[in-house]
C-alpha atoms as a PDB file:
ATOM      1  CA  MET A   1      88.413  70.106  72.497  1.00  0.00           C
ATOM      2  CA  THR A   2      84.882  72.187  71.487  1.00  0.00           C
ATOM      3  CA  GLN A   3      82.382  72.492  72.738  1.00  0.00           C
ATOM      4  CA  LYS A   4      78.626  73.374  70.460  1.00  0.00           C
ATOM      5  CA  ASN A   5      75.604  74.072  70.992  1.00  0.00           C
ATOM      6  CA  SER A   6      73.459  75.624  67.957  1.00  0.00           C
ATOM      7  CA  GLU A   7      74.576  79.370  68.071  1.00  0.00           C
ATOM      8  CA  VAL A   8      78.231  79.977  70.524  1.00  0.00           C
ATOM      9  CA  SER A   9      80.719  77.450  69.007  1.00  0.00           C
ATOM     10  CA  VAL A  10      84.213  77.422  71.927  1.00  0.00           C
ATOM     11  CA  VAL A  11      87.149  76.315  71.043  1.00  0.00           C
ATOM     12  CA  LYS A  12      88.916  75.351  74.728  1.00  0.00           C
ATOM     13  CA  ARG A  13      92.454  74.994  74.461  1.00  0.00           C
ATOM     14  CA  GLY A  14      92.608  74.386  78.486  1.00  0.00           C
ATOM     15  CA  ASN A  15      92.112  76.509  80.912  1.00  0.00           C
ATOM     16  CA  MET A  16      94.538  79.504  81.870  1.00  0.00           C
ATOM     17  CA  LEU A  17      97.065  77.995  79.997  1.00  0.00           C
ATOM     18  CA  PRO A  18      99.762  79.820  78.731  1.00  0.00           C
ATOM     19  CA  ALA A  19      98.954  79.591  74.450  1.00  0.00           C
ATOM     20  CA  VAL A  20     101.541  81.320  73.619  1.00  0.00           C
ATOM     21  CA  GLN A  21     104.800  82.148  74.758  1.00  0.00           C
ATOM     22  CA  ALA A  22     106.067  85.679  73.140  1.00  0.00           C
ATOM     23  CA  LYS A  23     109.380  87.902  73.191  1.00  0.00           C
ATOM     24  CA  GLN A  24     110.037  90.367  76.244  1.00  0.00           C
ATOM     25  CA  ARG A  25     108.356  87.332  78.763  1.00  0.00           C
ATOM     26  CA  GLU A  26     104.560  88.035  77.828  1.00  0.00           C
ATOM     27  CA  SER A  27     102.332  85.339  77.778  1.00  0.00           C
ATOM     28  CA  PHE A  28      99.007  84.738  76.401  1.00  0.00           C
ATOM     29  CA  LEU A  29      96.042  83.119  78.071  1.00  0.00           C
ATOM     30  CA  SER A  30      92.936  81.115  76.902  1.00  0.00           C
ATOM     31  CA  PRO A  31      90.467  82.570  79.855  1.00  0.00           C
ATOM     32  CA  SER A  32      88.353  80.186  81.596  1.00  0.00           C
ATOM     33  CA  THR A  33      84.474  80.683  79.869  1.00  0.00           C
ATOM     34  CA  ASP A  34      81.239  79.389  80.848  1.00  0.00           C
ATOM     35  CA  VAL A  35      78.432  79.797  78.381  1.00  0.00           C
ATOM     36  CA  HIS A  36      75.087  79.276  80.095  1.00  0.00           C
ATOM     37  CA  GLU A  37      71.484  79.909  77.589  1.00  0.00           C
ATOM     38  CA  THR A  38      68.318  82.163  78.784  1.00  0.00           C
ATOM     39  CA  PRO A  39      65.119  81.994  77.417  1.00  0.00           C
ATOM     40  CA  GLU A  40      66.175  85.202  75.087  1.00  0.00           C
ATOM     41  CA  ALA A  41      69.995  85.209  74.673  1.00  0.00           C
ATOM     42  CA  TYR A  42      73.642  83.165  75.303  1.00  0.00           C
ATOM     43  CA  VAL A  43      75.590  84.596  77.888  1.00  0.00           C
ATOM     44  CA  LEU A  44      79.544  84.051  78.116  1.00  0.00           C
ATOM     45  CA  MET A  45      81.341  85.107  81.023  1.00  0.00           C
ATOM     46  CA  LEU A  46      85.150  84.834  81.277  1.00  0.00           C
ATOM     47  CA  ASP A  47      87.527  85.089  83.957  1.00  0.00           C
ATOM     48  CA  ILE A  48      90.339  88.301  83.385  1.00  0.00           C
ATOM     49  CA  PRO A  49      90.932  89.059  86.924  1.00  0.00           C
ATOM     50  CA  GLY A  50      93.757  91.551  86.929  1.00  0.00           C
ATOM     51  CA  VAL A  51      92.390  93.754  84.048  1.00  0.00           C
ATOM     52  CA  SER A  52      91.125  97.272  84.144  1.00  0.00           C
ATOM     53  CA  ARG A  53      88.016  97.846  82.016  1.00  0.00           C
ATOM     54  CA  GLU A  54      89.919  99.905  79.983  1.00  0.00           C
ATOM     55  CA  ALA A  55      92.893  97.159  78.698  1.00  0.00           C
ATOM     56  CA  ILE A  56      89.190  94.687  77.186  1.00  0.00           C
ATOM     57  CA  ASN A  57      88.361  94.912  74.388  1.00  0.00           C
ATOM     58  CA  VAL A  58      85.533  93.169  71.792  1.00  0.00           C
ATOM     59  CA  ILE A  59      85.063  92.589  68.857  1.00  0.00           C
ATOM     60  CA  LEU A  60      82.328  91.263  66.814  1.00  0.00           C
ATOM     61  CA  GLU A  61      83.370  91.136  63.229  1.00  0.00           C
ATOM     62  CA  ASN A  62      80.862  88.787  61.060  1.00  0.00           C
ATOM     63  CA  ALA A  63      79.724  85.322  63.373  1.00  0.00           C
ATOM     64  CA  VAL A  64      83.646  85.991  64.818  1.00  0.00           C
ATOM     65  CA  LEU A  65      82.691  87.375  68.918  1.00  0.00           C
ATOM     66  CA  SER A  66      87.231  88.119  69.977  1.00  0.00           C
ATOM     67  CA  VAL A  67      88.034  89.171  73.357  1.00  0.00           C
ATOM     68  CA  ARG A  68      91.419  90.383  74.506  1.00  0.00           C
ATOM     69  CA  ALA A  69      92.389  91.573  77.264  1.00  0.00           C
ATOM     70  CA  ARG A  70      96.181  93.076  78.294  1.00  0.00           C
ATOM     71  CA  VAL A  71      97.595  92.923  82.308  1.00  0.00           C
ATOM     72  CA  GLN A  72     100.046  95.503  82.756  1.00  0.00           C
ATOM     73  CA  PRO A  73     102.358  95.394  85.442  1.00  0.00           C
ATOM     74  CA  TYR A  74     102.532  96.828  88.455  1.00  0.00           C
ATOM     75  CA  HIS A  75     104.832  98.557  89.950  1.00  0.00           C
ATOM     76  CA  SER A  76     105.908 101.900  88.243  1.00  0.00           C
ATOM     77  CA  GLU A  77     109.156 102.547  85.612  1.00  0.00           C
ATOM     78  CA  GLU A  78     111.254 104.118  88.397  1.00  0.00           C
ATOM     79  CA  ALA A  79     111.056 102.196  91.195  1.00  0.00           C
ATOM     80  CA  VAL A  80     113.009  98.725  92.025  1.00  0.00           C
ATOM     81  CA  LEU A  81     112.172  95.263  91.071  1.00  0.00           C
ATOM     82  CA  HIS A  82     112.900  93.676  93.722  1.00  0.00           C
ATOM     83  CA  PHE A  83     111.100  90.005  92.934  1.00  0.00           C
ATOM     84  CA  ASN A  84     108.847  89.629  90.210  1.00  0.00           C
ATOM     85  CA  GLU A  85     106.710  86.980  89.602  1.00  0.00           C
ATOM     86  CA  LEU A  86     103.742  88.988  88.596  1.00  0.00           C
ATOM     87  CA  LYS A  87     104.178  88.822  84.360  1.00  0.00           C
ATOM     88  CA  GLN A  88     102.711  90.920  81.953  1.00  0.00           C
ATOM     89  CA  VAL A  89      99.579  89.031  80.443  1.00  0.00           C
ATOM     90  CA  THR A  90      97.466  88.901  76.839  1.00  0.00           C
ATOM     91  CA  TYR A  91      93.984  86.725  77.815  1.00  0.00           C
ATOM     92  CA  HIS A  92      92.492  85.382  74.185  1.00  0.00           C
ATOM     93  CA  ARG A  93      89.995  83.739  73.010  1.00  0.00           C
ATOM     94  CA  ILE A  94      87.773  83.514  70.195  1.00  0.00           C
ATOM     95  CA  PHE A  95      83.991  82.905  69.680  1.00  0.00           C
ATOM     96  CA  ASN A  96      81.973  81.520  66.288  1.00  0.00           C
ATOM     97  CA  LEU A  97      78.447  82.713  66.274  1.00  0.00           C
ATOM     98  CA  GLY A  98      75.717  81.610  64.769  1.00  0.00           C
ATOM     99  CA  ASP A  99      72.498  82.978  62.657  1.00  0.00           C
ATOM    100  CA  GLY A 100      70.716  83.098  65.672  1.00  0.00           C
ATOM    101  CA  ILE A 101      72.243  85.396  67.381  1.00  0.00           C
ATOM    102  CA  ASP A 102      71.379  89.573  66.961  1.00  0.00           C
ATOM    103  CA  ARG A 103      74.535  90.649  66.406  1.00  0.00           C
ATOM    104  CA  ASP A 104      73.089  94.826  67.393  1.00  0.00           C
ATOM    105  CA  SER A 105      72.071  93.811  70.098  1.00  0.00           C
ATOM    106  CA  VAL A 106      74.839  92.534  72.391  1.00  0.00           C
ATOM    107  CA  ASN A 107      76.367  94.006  75.208  1.00  0.00           C
ATOM    108  CA  ALA A 108      79.126  93.388  77.971  1.00  0.00           C
ATOM    109  CA  THR A 109      79.567  94.183  80.765  1.00  0.00           C
ATOM    110  CA  TYR A 110      82.783  94.176  83.858  1.00  0.00           C
ATOM    111  CA  GLU A 111      82.681  93.310  87.193  1.00  0.00           C
ATOM    112  CA  ASN A 112      85.241  91.676  89.934  1.00  0.00           C
ATOM    113  CA  GLY A 113      87.425  90.000  87.350  1.00  0.00           C
ATOM    114  CA  VAL A 114      84.410  88.936  85.289  1.00  0.00           C
ATOM    115  CA  LEU A 115      83.354  89.623  81.898  1.00  0.00           C
ATOM    116  CA  ALA A 116      80.074  88.953  80.830  1.00  0.00           C
ATOM    117  CA  ILE A 117      79.348  88.689  77.313  1.00  0.00           C
ATOM    118  CA  LYS A 118      75.308  89.248  76.625  1.00  0.00           C
ATOM    119  CA  LEU A 119      74.036  87.482  72.621  1.00  0.00           C
ATOM    120  CA  PHE A 120      70.742  88.144  72.222  1.00  0.00           C
ATOM    121  CA  LYS A 121      68.469  85.837  70.342  1.00  0.00           C
ATOM    122  CA  ASN A 122      67.155  86.777  66.753  1.00  0.00           C
ATOM    123  CA  LYS A 123      63.312  86.835  67.319  1.00  0.00           C
ATOM    124  CA  LYS A 124      63.122  84.430  64.363  1.00  0.00           C
ATOM    125  CA  ALA A 125      65.558  81.714  65.866  1.00  0.00           C
ATOM    126  CA  LYS A 126      63.578  81.992  69.227  1.00  0.00           C
ATOM    127  CA  PRO A 127      61.389  78.940  69.454  1.00  0.00           C
ATOM    128  CA  ARG A 128      57.227  79.929  69.734  1.00  0.00           C
ATOM    129  CA  GLU A 129      54.051  77.943  69.276  1.00  0.00           C
ATOM    130  CA  ILE A 130      52.298  77.919  66.153  1.00  0.00           C
ATOM    131  CA  PRO A 131      48.584  77.874  66.521  1.00  0.00           C
ATOM    132  CA  ILE A 132      46.908  75.575  64.958  1.00  0.00           C
ATOM    133  CA  LYS A 133      43.756  77.157  62.617  1.00  0.00           C
END
């Protein structure tokens, strides 16, 4: 399923379902995402719990925004593990951006397991009233 508006297209592969099972029991998940629009920007809200801020990579290259985050194991190497349901997981999501995004003004914040990415609109892309002379 693909959701699309004029400036951000989101490819949805099923919320929080493993997309790929790799060797060494690592899963890749597509994080649940909300996209909303304000008059000055598009805001992406990605649900990526259990990830430290340092383990999140947000890369904007050309018109593609890529988000990757890795959940590290919680136990130490010297601990004896008796029961293990917490897996190493990598979240990954890609967004295609339109020309109406100011790529130099993109910013991101991470709080309480939610990554918020703000994609500001180009001044040229904002609707404006044209005066009649």
